Structure formats: C-alpha cells, structure tokens
Amino acid sequence: MDSAEILRLATLMADKIRARRGDIASNVAYFKGTEGRMRFASDEFRDYFADRFSGFSDNWCMPVAQAPIERIHQLGIRLDGSTTADVESARMWERNEADRGLSEALMMMTVAKRSFGMVSPSPVGARVTFEHPDSACVIYDAATRQRRAGMVVWQDEKFEYSEFQTPQYIIPLKRPRFIQESGDKHVAPTADGWAFDQARELKANPLGAVPLVEFRNQALLDDEPMSDIAGVKPIQDTINLVWAYLLNGLDTASLPARIIKGIDVPKEPILDQDGQIIGERPIELDRLIRDRVIFIPGDGDVAEWTAGNLEVFSKVIGHAVEHVVAQTRTPAHYLIAASSNTPATGYELAEAGLVSKAAERISYANPSVREIYRLAAIAEGQAERAAQIAVGKVLWKKPQYRSEQQLMDGLQKMRTAGFPFQWIAEEYGLSPSEVDRVMEMKRAEERDATMEQVARDLAI
C-alpha cells in the first residue's frame, strides 16, 4: 500500500465516520433520554404546553437495549484441546478491566449498530481498549472479509488527527479540522486533506493484523448493521405525543373553565412611549384560552359542556407499549407493571424471546472477542497460544435466568446422570477462576476424607 493509497483510504474512512455520526448521536440521545422528549403535534400546542411538561417523557429505548445486554457475561476462553479456561488470557482480561469495557461496547453495538475494541502492546503486556463508533472505522477486503485497514480519529481546536492502521504499520495522519459552524476560520478539508504527521512516529505493527476489531450488530449480509432501538424511536415519539395530549386534558379537566355571557370581549389599552393611552385592542385570544375564560357577546345559553373521555389516551399508550414488546422481543413485565403472583414458568415463557435475542447478540460478538484474545496473545509474544486461541471457544454465562431451586434440581439430575463435578460447577455459572477454586477445595476435602479413612483403618 503506497502513500497515495493510504491517504485515499484515510479520506474514505474519515468520510464514513462523519456520515455515521448523525445517526449514532440520534440513537445514543434516544437511549439516554435526551432526545425523544415530549412531542407536540402542532406549533400552537407546543407554545402552550412545552414549558409546562418539559421535564416529563417516557424512555422505552433504554430498557429495550439494556434487557439483552444485562444477560451477557463473558467468562473467558478455552484453548483448543483444553478442558479449562486459559489462565493467561483471564489475567490479561482482568488487568485491562475489560469486563466493563466489553459490556459498554456491546451496549453501544445494540444502540448505535457497531462499536470497536483495540489491542496494542505495552510494557506490562497487551493493552485492550474499547472505542466509540463515532471515532473509529474498519474496512474489509471484499473477497476475504479480512480487516484491510483501521482508523481512529480525534481532534483539537485546529486539527483532526488519526491513527491509520494496516497489518504492517501504524501511521500517524493529520489534517485541518472539519468545522461546520459558520464563520469559523478553518474550512472543510479537501479530498487530499490528510497528510503524514511528522510530529508523531510511524511505527511497525507487531501484531501482523489490524489491531482495531469491530463489533457489528445484526446485519443482512451487507455492510449496514441495524440498531435494536431503530423501531422503538418512532413509537416512543408517538407515546410521548399521546402523553402530551393526556396531560393537557388532565390539566384542563382539573381546573374550572368560565363563561361570561352578555358582554363584549374586554379590551386592553395601547400605550405610547410616554405611557399615555392612545387606543385599545381586544385581549389576545390565546391568553383567554390559557386562562380558561370564554366571552360570549349578546344573549344566549350554554346547551352542554361535556367533559372529554381521557381514558382513551391511556389505552393508546398501552397499545403502543405492546407494539414495543412485540417488535423487540422484550418481555412485557420489563416495560409494564406485572402481577406479583405470576408463576415462574410464566416468566420463563415470557422471557424466551429475550433469551434467544441475547444468544443472538452473543453470536455476533463471539468472533470479535476471540480476535481480541488472539491479538492480545500476539502482543505478549505468545504466537503458539494465539494459534490455539484462534480455534478456541469463548465462554459465556447462560443468558437464561432460573430460580435457585430449578437450577439446583437440574444440576443434581445431571450429576446423577454421570456428568463430571467440574462441568456441574461451570453450569452453575461460576467464573473459570471460581471453578478452579472450587475444584481445589473439593480435592482437599477428598484428601482429608481419605486420610481420615486411613486413620480409622489403622486404628482397627
């Protein structure tokens, strides 16, 4: 890859990052609840009630995205030909506090379609970090789907910087910062705006592969993964619109409205700059509506003033939440109040779709997690272990929740059927290090029991 090709690919990847940022920002804002707040069908309705209800909104995007991720827990990796989790990989993972980083990366993957992990050598061993999708990009070989190049970008007040990654080199680049604000002295870069940053060192890539690894959410055999909350956003907007109407209706129904008959609409004086009355005008109609006063000039009677039925709004909200449940495979009791006397089997059936969804997300993340483990082994100079990791099995905790009684009953039957105790401990959900600890404790008990039996035999 020559210099011209590097700069061309850098521009292409930077354009991809910039094109994705709007969608990423919108999805993250909906997840956090800072976007998708109370909606209003008309400008007039917003003018009346936006400030009154500004602090209220329903956020269904957050529980929909959190539900599968809270059931995904990575336990380690078992090397090819081994029966236990790899201890060295577990130490590397713990040293980098990668459990939290992976959880955040998987959450971002479901919300913003993709996220990234990166491996780099360090004096104390492999360093693993996780990158936000609005500042990273990977491109692939069209034929092999292998990572061809990776790019991480950041910026200061004047310049945009990047680390362009190939299997051979880590290349520092720089260009004038892309600014969209009007009047700024910096301008958008041209197609050849990237240049090699002479102030930073070009480095050989010791990993022999692009160190940036992409976590991609569900896709349809294309280059466009999907967000888990894409379909929830418009439903959430609809729910908040109905809430606005409902709260307005409650507000109107809770305060008395007044009708003044037989007089004209009152007028207010028009003052000049000296405070002198120079004319008059009718009171603003919008003000009368807000004050719940209606003036009816002349004679006449009010035939009827029937209160509106507000129950219809809550029914619409309930149906909209049911749509969220159906479209996202999120259990209904995660989103609405559920009866406390529901049997355990009822919850299991209700959560079957969520368990399947969590298992799908595990399958999407599995190759990327294995690749991070492999690159970390290479970064620590353990090429043989890296080759074993490449065909190893990433270990995950089962996403299904079961009561303690159900779990123990099932494990007891497995033990009776002849399953090894170590396998039982793993199925119980212990981490690999805890499994090793339990097995050592069990061996110690067996040794003590053997010595006690020998002592009793000798006494006889």
Protein backbone atom coordinates (compact mmCIF):
# COMPACT_ATOMS: atom_id res chain seq x y z
CA MET A 1 0.00 0.00 0.00
CA ASP A 2 1.72 3.19 -1.19
CA SER A 3 1.38 6.73 0.23
CA ALA A 4 -1.32 7.78 -2.23
CA GLU A 5 -3.42 4.72 -1.41
CA ILE A 6 -3.04 5.34 2.34
CA LEU A 7 -4.25 8.94 2.04
CA ARG A 8 -7.11 7.91 -0.25
CA LEU A 9 -8.30 5.23 2.17
CA ALA A 10 -7.90 7.63 5.11
CA THR A 11 -10.22 10.11 3.40
CA LEU A 12 -12.72 7.35 2.58
CA MET A 13 -12.75 6.08 6.17
CA ALA A 14 -12.99 9.57 7.66
CA ASP A 15 -15.98 10.25 5.40
CA LYS A 16 -17.59 7.02 6.63
CA ILE A 17 -17.08 8.09 10.24
CA ARG A 18 -18.55 11.54 9.60
CA ALA A 19 -21.53 10.13 7.71
CA ARG A 20 -22.35 7.80 10.62
CA ARG A 21 -22.12 10.40 13.37
CA GLY A 22 -25.59 11.89 12.93
CA ASP A 23 -27.31 8.52 13.21
CA ILE A 24 -25.08 7.46 16.12
CA ALA A 25 -25.76 10.71 18.00
CA SER A 26 -29.52 10.34 17.48
CA ASN A 27 -29.59 6.73 18.70
CA VAL A 28 -27.44 7.49 21.74
CA ALA A 29 -29.58 10.52 22.59
CA TYR A 30 -32.74 8.43 22.42
CA PHE A 31 -31.11 5.79 24.63
CA LYS A 32 -30.12 8.41 27.21
CA GLY A 33 -33.50 10.12 27.01
CA THR A 34 -32.10 13.50 25.95
CA GLU A 35 -33.89 13.22 22.61
CA GLY A 36 -37.39 11.98 22.00
CA ARG A 37 -38.87 14.00 24.84
CA MET A 38 -42.43 15.26 24.96
CA ARG A 39 -43.72 15.60 21.40
CA PHE A 40 -46.33 18.06 20.15
CA ALA A 41 -48.45 17.71 17.03
CA SER A 42 -48.58 21.44 16.24
CA ASP A 43 -46.58 24.57 16.92
CA GLU A 44 -49.51 26.11 18.78
CA PHE A 45 -49.79 23.12 21.10
CA ARG A 46 -46.06 23.27 21.79
CA ASP A 47 -46.19 27.01 22.51
CA TYR A 48 -48.86 26.46 25.15
CA PHE A 49 -47.58 23.39 26.94
CA ALA A 50 -43.88 22.72 26.14
CA ASP A 51 -42.59 24.52 29.23
CA ARG A 52 -45.27 23.05 31.48
CA PHE A 53 -44.36 19.43 30.65
CA SER A 54 -40.69 19.89 29.73
CA GLY A 55 -39.44 17.61 32.49
CA PHE A 56 -41.55 14.60 31.55
CA SER A 57 -41.04 11.92 28.90
CA ASP A 58 -41.20 8.16 28.53
CA ASN A 59 -37.97 6.41 27.51
CA TRP A 60 -38.54 2.91 26.15
CA CYS A 61 -35.27 2.78 24.18
CA MET A 62 -33.15 2.29 27.30
CA PRO A 63 -34.87 -0.83 28.72
CA VAL A 64 -35.14 -2.39 25.25
CA ALA A 65 -31.38 -2.01 24.70
CA GLN A 66 -30.41 -2.96 28.25
CA ALA A 67 -32.53 -6.10 28.50
CA PRO A 68 -30.34 -8.45 26.39
CA ILE A 69 -27.01 -6.91 27.40
CA GLU A 70 -27.62 -7.38 31.13
CA ARG A 71 -27.79 -11.13 30.42
CA ILE A 72 -24.49 -11.29 28.52
CA HIS A 73 -21.42 -12.07 30.64
CA GLN A 74 -18.15 -13.20 29.11
CA LEU A 75 -16.28 -15.76 31.26
CA GLY A 76 -13.04 -16.36 29.37
CA ILE A 77 -11.72 -18.53 26.57
CA ARG A 78 -10.86 -22.22 26.45
CA LEU A 79 -7.95 -23.12 24.22
CA ASP A 80 -8.20 -25.81 21.61
CA GLY A 81 -7.62 -29.18 23.26
CA SER A 82 -8.07 -27.88 26.82
CA THR A 83 -10.85 -28.58 29.31
CA THR A 84 -10.44 -25.40 31.37
CA ALA A 85 -10.35 -21.67 30.65
CA ASP A 86 -7.00 -20.16 29.73
CA VAL A 87 -5.41 -18.61 32.82
CA GLU A 88 -3.10 -16.20 30.95
CA SER A 89 -5.99 -14.79 28.92
CA ALA A 90 -8.02 -14.34 32.11
CA ARG A 91 -5.17 -12.39 33.71
CA MET A 92 -4.85 -10.16 30.66
CA TRP A 93 -8.61 -9.55 30.69
CA GLU A 94 -8.63 -8.68 34.40
CA ARG A 95 -5.59 -6.43 34.11
CA ASN A 96 -7.36 -4.34 31.47
CA GLU A 97 -10.69 -4.32 33.36
CA ALA A 98 -12.17 -5.47 30.08
CA ASP A 99 -15.43 -6.81 31.53
CA ARG A 100 -16.81 -3.31 31.90
CA GLY A 101 -15.38 -2.17 28.57
CA LEU A 102 -16.92 -5.13 26.76
CA SER A 103 -20.29 -4.52 28.40
CA GLU A 104 -20.23 -0.89 27.26
CA ALA A 105 -19.09 -1.91 23.77
CA LEU A 106 -21.93 -4.44 23.45
CA MET A 107 -24.44 -1.86 24.66
CA MET A 108 -23.16 0.60 22.08
CA MET A 109 -23.29 -2.14 19.44
CA THR A 110 -27.00 -2.69 20.04
CA VAL A 111 -27.80 1.03 20.24
CA ALA A 112 -25.53 2.54 17.57
CA LYS A 113 -25.16 -0.55 15.32
CA ARG A 114 -21.43 -1.04 15.93
CA SER A 115 -18.56 -0.47 18.35
CA PHE A 116 -14.86 -1.30 18.42
CA GLY A 117 -12.16 -2.92 20.52
CA MET A 118 -8.45 -2.30 20.05
CA VAL A 119 -5.32 -4.18 21.13
CA SER A 120 -1.88 -2.64 21.45
CA PRO A 121 1.40 -3.75 23.06
CA SER A 122 2.51 -2.15 26.33
CA PRO A 123 5.42 -2.68 28.75
CA VAL A 124 3.16 -4.65 31.13
CA GLY A 125 1.51 -6.78 28.44
CA ALA A 126 -1.31 -6.41 25.95
CA ARG A 127 -3.46 -3.32 26.34
CA VAL A 128 -7.15 -3.66 25.45
CA THR A 129 -9.39 -0.62 24.95
CA PHE A 130 -12.85 -0.11 23.52
CA GLU A 131 -13.64 2.68 21.08
CA HIS A 132 -16.77 4.74 20.36
CA PRO A 133 -18.18 4.25 16.83
CA ASP A 134 -18.18 7.99 16.12
CA SER A 135 -14.37 7.99 16.09
CA ALA A 136 -13.36 4.63 14.57
CA CYS A 137 -13.76 2.69 11.35
CA VAL A 138 -12.63 -0.59 9.80
CA ILE A 139 -12.70 -1.52 6.12
CA TYR A 140 -12.58 -5.08 4.84
CA ASP A 141 -11.24 -6.95 1.86
CA ALA A 142 -14.20 -7.52 -0.46
CA ALA A 143 -13.22 -11.11 -1.21
CA THR A 144 -11.89 -12.48 2.10
CA ARG A 145 -13.69 -10.19 4.58
CA GLN A 146 -10.41 -9.79 6.42
CA ARG A 147 -9.71 -6.41 8.01
CA ARG A 148 -7.79 -4.37 5.47
CA ALA A 149 -7.29 -1.17 7.46
CA GLY A 150 -8.46 0.51 10.64
CA MET A 151 -8.67 4.12 11.67
CA VAL A 152 -9.17 6.00 14.94
CA VAL A 153 -9.66 9.79 14.85
CA TRP A 154 -9.60 12.61 17.41
CA GLN A 155 -9.25 16.40 17.18
CA ASP A 156 -8.26 19.57 18.95
CA GLU A 157 -9.24 23.16 18.22
CA LYS A 158 -7.49 23.36 14.86
CA PHE A 159 -6.55 19.90 13.60
CA GLU A 160 -8.01 16.46 13.17
CA TYR A 161 -5.63 13.58 13.92
CA SER A 162 -5.84 9.91 13.09
CA GLU A 163 -4.03 6.65 13.60
CA PHE A 164 -4.22 4.73 10.34
CA GLN A 165 -3.66 1.02 10.92
CA THR A 166 -2.55 -1.62 8.45
CA PRO A 167 -1.25 -5.13 9.16
CA GLN A 168 2.27 -3.76 8.63
CA TYR A 169 2.29 -0.21 10.04
CA ILE A 170 0.64 2.24 12.44
CA ILE A 171 0.66 5.52 10.50
CA PRO A 172 0.01 8.95 12.09
CA LEU A 173 -2.01 11.38 9.93
CA LYS A 174 -3.20 14.94 10.35
CA ARG A 175 -5.39 17.49 8.55
CA PRO A 176 -7.18 20.78 9.24
CA ARG A 177 -10.16 20.23 11.47
CA PHE A 178 -13.52 19.83 9.78
CA ILE A 179 -15.71 22.65 11.15
CA GLN A 180 -19.35 23.14 10.24
CA GLU A 181 -20.04 26.28 12.26
CA SER A 182 -20.47 29.36 10.13
CA GLY A 183 -17.75 31.98 10.38
CA ASP A 184 -15.01 29.71 11.68
CA LYS A 185 -11.62 30.40 10.13
CA HIS A 186 -10.98 26.73 9.46
CA VAL A 187 -12.53 25.16 6.38
CA ALA A 188 -13.56 21.65 5.46
CA PRO A 189 -10.63 19.61 4.14
CA THR A 190 -10.42 18.65 0.51
CA ALA A 191 -10.22 15.06 -0.68
CA ASP A 192 -6.46 15.12 -0.25
CA GLY A 193 -6.55 17.00 3.07
CA TRP A 194 -4.81 14.25 5.03
CA ALA A 195 -1.05 14.41 5.35
CA PHE A 196 1.52 12.38 7.24
CA ASP A 197 2.04 13.83 10.71
CA GLN A 198 5.78 14.43 11.02
CA ALA A 199 5.48 15.23 14.73
CA ARG A 200 4.46 11.66 15.56
CA GLU A 201 6.38 8.47 14.93
CA LEU A 202 5.47 5.94 12.25
CA LYS A 203 5.55 2.51 13.90
CA ALA A 204 5.77 -1.04 12.67
CA ASN A 205 2.73 -3.11 13.62
CA PRO A 206 3.97 -6.06 15.70
CA LEU A 207 0.58 -7.82 15.59
CA GLY A 208 0.63 -8.58 11.88
CA ALA A 209 -3.09 -7.69 11.71
CA VAL A 210 -5.22 -4.58 12.02
CA PRO A 211 -5.43 -4.00 15.82
CA LEU A 212 -8.92 -2.45 15.60
CA VAL A 213 -11.72 -5.03 15.85
CA GLU A 214 -15.34 -4.20 15.01
CA PHE A 215 -18.39 -5.38 16.96
CA ARG A 216 -21.26 -5.41 14.45
CA ASN A 217 -24.89 -5.81 15.37
CA GLN A 218 -27.36 -7.79 13.29
CA ALA A 219 -26.98 -7.26 9.54
CA LEU A 220 -28.49 -8.71 6.36
CA LEU A 221 -25.34 -9.90 4.59
CA ASP A 222 -24.45 -6.30 3.85
CA ASP A 223 -22.28 -3.55 5.34
CA GLU A 224 -25.11 -1.92 7.30
CA PRO A 225 -25.81 -3.41 10.72
CA MET A 226 -29.08 -2.49 12.42
CA SER A 227 -29.84 -0.78 15.71
CA ASP A 228 -32.05 -2.55 18.25
CA ILE A 229 -33.86 0.71 19.01
CA ALA A 230 -34.45 1.93 15.45
CA GLY A 231 -38.07 0.77 15.51
CA VAL A 232 -38.62 1.94 19.09
CA LYS A 233 -37.80 5.59 18.39
CA PRO A 234 -40.95 6.47 16.37
CA ILE A 235 -43.16 4.52 18.81
CA GLN A 236 -41.60 6.40 21.70
CA ASP A 237 -42.31 9.70 19.93
CA THR A 238 -45.93 8.61 19.47
CA ILE A 239 -46.27 7.65 23.14
CA ASN A 240 -44.87 10.99 24.27
CA LEU A 241 -47.23 12.82 21.90
CA VAL A 242 -50.20 11.00 23.43
CA TRP A 243 -48.83 11.79 26.89
CA ALA A 244 -48.77 15.47 25.96
CA TYR A 245 -52.43 15.34 24.95
CA LEU A 246 -53.35 13.35 28.06
CA LEU A 247 -51.57 15.70 30.46
CA ASN A 248 -53.13 18.68 28.73
CA GLY A 249 -56.54 17.03 29.05
CA LEU A 250 -55.96 16.31 32.73
CA ASP A 251 -54.82 19.86 33.28
CA THR A 252 -57.90 21.25 31.57
CA ALA A 253 -60.28 18.88 33.35
CA SER A 254 -58.82 19.58 36.79
CA LEU A 255 -59.41 23.38 36.70
CA PRO A 256 -62.75 25.14 36.20
CA ALA A 257 -63.47 26.95 32.95
CA ARG A 258 -65.62 30.07 32.94
CA ILE A 259 -68.15 31.54 30.51
CA ILE A 260 -69.01 35.21 30.71
CA LYS A 261 -72.20 35.98 28.81
CA GLY A 262 -73.83 39.17 27.73
CA ILE A 263 -70.76 41.40 27.40
CA ASP A 264 -68.21 42.01 24.71
CA VAL A 265 -64.68 40.68 24.83
CA PRO A 266 -62.70 43.08 27.06
CA LYS A 267 -60.04 45.27 25.55
CA GLU A 268 -56.65 46.36 26.78
CA PRO A 269 -55.20 49.86 26.34
CA ILE A 270 -52.44 50.69 23.87
CA LEU A 271 -49.79 52.95 25.40
CA ASP A 272 -47.28 55.19 23.69
CA GLN A 273 -43.66 55.58 24.75
CA ASP A 274 -44.68 58.10 27.41
CA GLY A 275 -47.27 55.78 28.94
CA GLN A 276 -50.26 57.67 27.54
CA ILE A 277 -53.29 55.77 26.24
CA ILE A 278 -53.55 56.18 22.52
CA GLY A 279 -56.03 53.40 21.71
CA GLU A 280 -57.28 49.98 22.70
CA ARG A 281 -57.35 46.43 21.34
CA PRO A 282 -59.10 43.15 22.24
CA ILE A 283 -57.30 40.91 24.70
CA GLU A 284 -55.26 38.29 22.92
CA LEU A 285 -57.39 35.21 22.27
CA ASP A 286 -54.56 32.85 23.17
CA ARG A 287 -54.33 34.45 26.59
CA LEU A 288 -58.04 33.91 27.18
CA ILE A 289 -57.68 30.26 26.21
CA ARG A 290 -54.81 29.78 28.65
CA ASP A 291 -56.84 31.49 31.41
CA ARG A 292 -59.86 29.29 30.56
CA VAL A 293 -62.20 32.23 30.00
CA ILE A 294 -64.65 32.44 27.10
CA PHE A 295 -66.63 35.62 26.37
CA ILE A 296 -69.93 35.23 24.52
CA PRO A 297 -71.28 38.63 23.40
CA GLY A 298 -75.05 39.09 23.38
CA ASP A 299 -77.74 36.81 24.78
CA GLY A 300 -77.73 33.05 24.72
CA ASP A 301 -77.49 29.93 26.81
CA VAL A 302 -74.96 27.14 27.01
CA ALA A 303 -76.60 23.91 25.91
CA GLU A 304 -73.86 21.49 27.03
CA TRP A 305 -70.21 21.41 28.12
CA THR A 306 -69.39 17.71 28.34
CA ALA A 307 -66.04 16.60 29.79
CA GLY A 308 -63.76 14.66 27.47
CA ASN A 309 -63.05 10.96 27.98
CA LEU A 310 -59.39 10.82 28.97
CA GLU A 311 -59.25 7.04 29.31
CA VAL A 312 -58.77 6.65 25.57
CA PHE A 313 -55.31 8.20 25.82
CA SER A 314 -54.04 5.67 28.35
CA LYS A 315 -55.37 2.85 26.19
CA VAL A 316 -53.44 4.16 23.19
CA ILE A 317 -50.26 4.33 25.29
CA GLY A 318 -50.82 0.75 26.45
CA HIS A 319 -51.26 -0.49 22.88
CA ALA A 320 -48.12 1.38 21.79
CA VAL A 321 -46.10 -0.28 24.56
CA GLU A 322 -47.44 -3.65 23.40
CA HIS A 323 -46.04 -2.84 19.95
CA VAL A 324 -42.63 -2.22 21.56
CA VAL A 325 -42.88 -5.60 23.30
CA ALA A 326 -43.77 -7.44 20.09
CA GLN A 327 -41.23 -5.75 17.82
CA THR A 328 -38.24 -6.01 20.15
CA ARG A 329 -38.83 -9.37 21.89
CA THR A 330 -38.64 -7.56 25.23
CA PRO A 331 -40.76 -9.26 27.94
CA ALA A 332 -43.89 -7.30 28.78
CA HIS A 333 -43.05 -7.34 32.50
CA TYR A 334 -39.87 -5.39 31.72
CA LEU A 335 -41.91 -2.49 30.34
CA ILE A 336 -45.21 -2.56 32.22
CA ALA A 337 -46.29 -3.49 35.72
CA ALA A 338 -46.78 -7.23 36.08
CA SER A 339 -48.76 -9.19 38.62
CA SER A 340 -46.65 -10.41 41.54
CA ASN A 341 -48.37 -13.80 41.62
CA THR A 342 -47.23 -14.83 38.13
CA PRO A 343 -45.76 -18.37 38.32
CA ALA A 344 -42.09 -18.89 37.49
CA THR A 345 -42.97 -20.90 34.40
CA GLY A 346 -44.96 -17.92 33.13
CA TYR A 347 -41.92 -15.68 33.38
CA GLU A 348 -39.76 -18.27 31.64
CA LEU A 349 -42.14 -18.44 28.69
CA ALA A 350 -42.40 -14.64 28.55
CA GLU A 351 -38.61 -14.31 28.53
CA ALA A 352 -37.97 -16.95 25.86
CA GLY A 353 -37.73 -14.34 23.11
CA LEU A 354 -35.32 -12.21 25.16
CA VAL A 355 -33.11 -15.23 25.91
CA SER A 356 -32.98 -16.02 22.20
CA LYS A 357 -32.16 -12.38 21.43
CA ALA A 358 -29.33 -12.37 23.97
CA ALA A 359 -27.95 -15.58 22.46
CA GLU A 360 -28.00 -13.93 19.04
CA ARG A 361 -26.05 -10.94 20.33
CA ILE A 362 -23.52 -13.35 21.85
CA SER A 363 -23.07 -14.98 18.44
CA TYR A 364 -22.46 -11.56 16.86
CA ALA A 365 -19.85 -10.62 19.49
CA ASN A 366 -18.16 -14.02 19.71
CA PRO A 367 -15.71 -13.71 16.75
CA SER A 368 -14.64 -10.21 17.81
CA VAL A 369 -13.97 -11.26 21.41
CA ARG A 370 -11.94 -14.25 20.20
CA GLU A 371 -9.93 -11.97 17.90
CA ILE A 372 -9.16 -9.60 20.79
CA TYR A 373 -7.87 -12.53 22.83
CA ARG A 374 -5.76 -13.69 19.86
CA LEU A 375 -4.24 -10.26 19.23
CA ALA A 376 -3.51 -9.87 22.93
CA ALA A 377 -1.56 -13.14 22.92
CA ILE A 378 0.45 -11.96 19.92
CA ALA A 379 1.11 -8.62 21.64
CA GLU A 380 2.55 -10.57 24.58
CA GLY A 381 4.81 -12.60 22.29
CA GLN A 382 2.91 -15.89 22.59
CA ALA A 383 2.34 -16.88 18.99
CA GLU A 384 1.65 -20.54 19.79
CA ARG A 385 -1.06 -19.67 22.30
CA ALA A 386 -2.51 -17.19 19.80
CA ALA A 387 -2.87 -20.02 17.27
CA GLN A 388 -4.74 -22.09 19.88
CA ILE A 389 -6.98 -19.14 20.72
CA ALA A 390 -7.88 -18.75 17.04
CA VAL A 391 -9.75 -22.08 17.21
CA GLY A 392 -10.64 -21.86 20.90
CA LYS A 393 -14.08 -21.46 22.43
CA VAL A 394 -15.17 -18.19 24.02
CA LEU A 395 -17.05 -18.91 27.24
CA TRP A 396 -20.27 -17.06 28.08
CA LYS A 397 -22.64 -17.30 31.00
CA LYS A 398 -26.02 -18.70 30.02
CA PRO A 399 -28.47 -15.85 29.34
CA GLN A 400 -31.45 -17.67 30.83
CA TYR A 401 -32.49 -16.82 34.37
CA ARG A 402 -33.67 -19.71 36.53
CA SER A 403 -34.66 -19.88 40.17
CA GLU A 404 -32.14 -21.39 42.58
CA GLN A 405 -34.46 -24.33 43.18
CA GLN A 406 -34.88 -25.07 39.46
CA LEU A 407 -31.15 -24.72 38.83
CA MET A 408 -30.08 -26.98 41.67
CA ASP A 409 -32.69 -29.58 40.77
CA GLY A 410 -31.45 -29.70 37.18
CA LEU A 411 -27.78 -29.87 38.21
CA GLN A 412 -28.49 -32.66 40.69
CA LYS A 413 -30.12 -34.71 37.95
CA MET A 414 -27.11 -34.04 35.70
CA ARG A 415 -24.77 -35.21 38.45
CA THR A 416 -26.85 -38.34 38.96
CA ALA A 417 -26.68 -38.99 35.22
CA GLY A 418 -22.88 -39.05 35.49
CA PHE A 419 -21.77 -35.54 34.47
CA PRO A 420 -18.39 -34.52 35.97
CA PHE A 421 -18.43 -32.24 39.00
CA GLN A 422 -16.34 -29.61 37.18
CA TRP A 423 -18.96 -29.44 34.42
CA ILE A 424 -21.66 -29.04 37.08
CA ALA A 425 -19.73 -26.12 38.61
CA GLU A 426 -19.44 -24.46 35.21
CA GLU A 427 -23.16 -24.91 34.52
CA TYR A 428 -23.91 -23.34 37.89
CA GLY A 429 -22.46 -20.13 36.44
CA LEU A 430 -19.16 -19.81 38.29
CA SER A 431 -16.33 -17.95 36.61
CA PRO A 432 -13.35 -20.07 35.46
CA SER A 433 -11.23 -18.89 38.41
CA GLU A 434 -14.03 -19.78 40.83
CA VAL A 435 -14.40 -23.19 39.19
CA ASP A 436 -10.68 -23.84 39.74
CA ARG A 437 -11.00 -22.69 43.35
CA VAL A 438 -14.00 -24.96 43.97
CA MET A 439 -12.22 -27.93 42.38
CA GLU A 440 -9.15 -27.40 44.56
CA MET A 441 -11.37 -27.20 47.65
CA LYS A 442 -13.11 -30.41 46.57
CA ARG A 443 -9.78 -32.19 46.10
CA ALA A 444 -8.67 -31.00 49.55
CA GLU A 445 -11.85 -32.41 51.07
CA GLU A 446 -11.30 -35.72 49.32
CA ARG A 447 -7.69 -35.87 50.56
CA ASP A 448 -8.85 -35.17 54.12
CA ALA A 449 -11.58 -37.81 53.85
CA THR A 450 -9.04 -40.32 52.55
CA MET A 451 -6.62 -39.62 55.41
CA GLU A 452 -9.44 -39.96 57.94
CA GLN A 453 -10.39 -43.34 56.48
CA VAL A 454 -6.75 -44.50 56.57
CA ALA A 455 -6.55 -43.43 60.21
CA ARG A 456 -9.68 -45.36 61.05
CA ASP A 457 -8.38 -48.46 59.23
CA LEU A 458 -5.07 -48.31 61.11
CA ALA A 459 -6.91 -47.95 64.41
CA ILE A 460 -8.83 -51.11 63.65
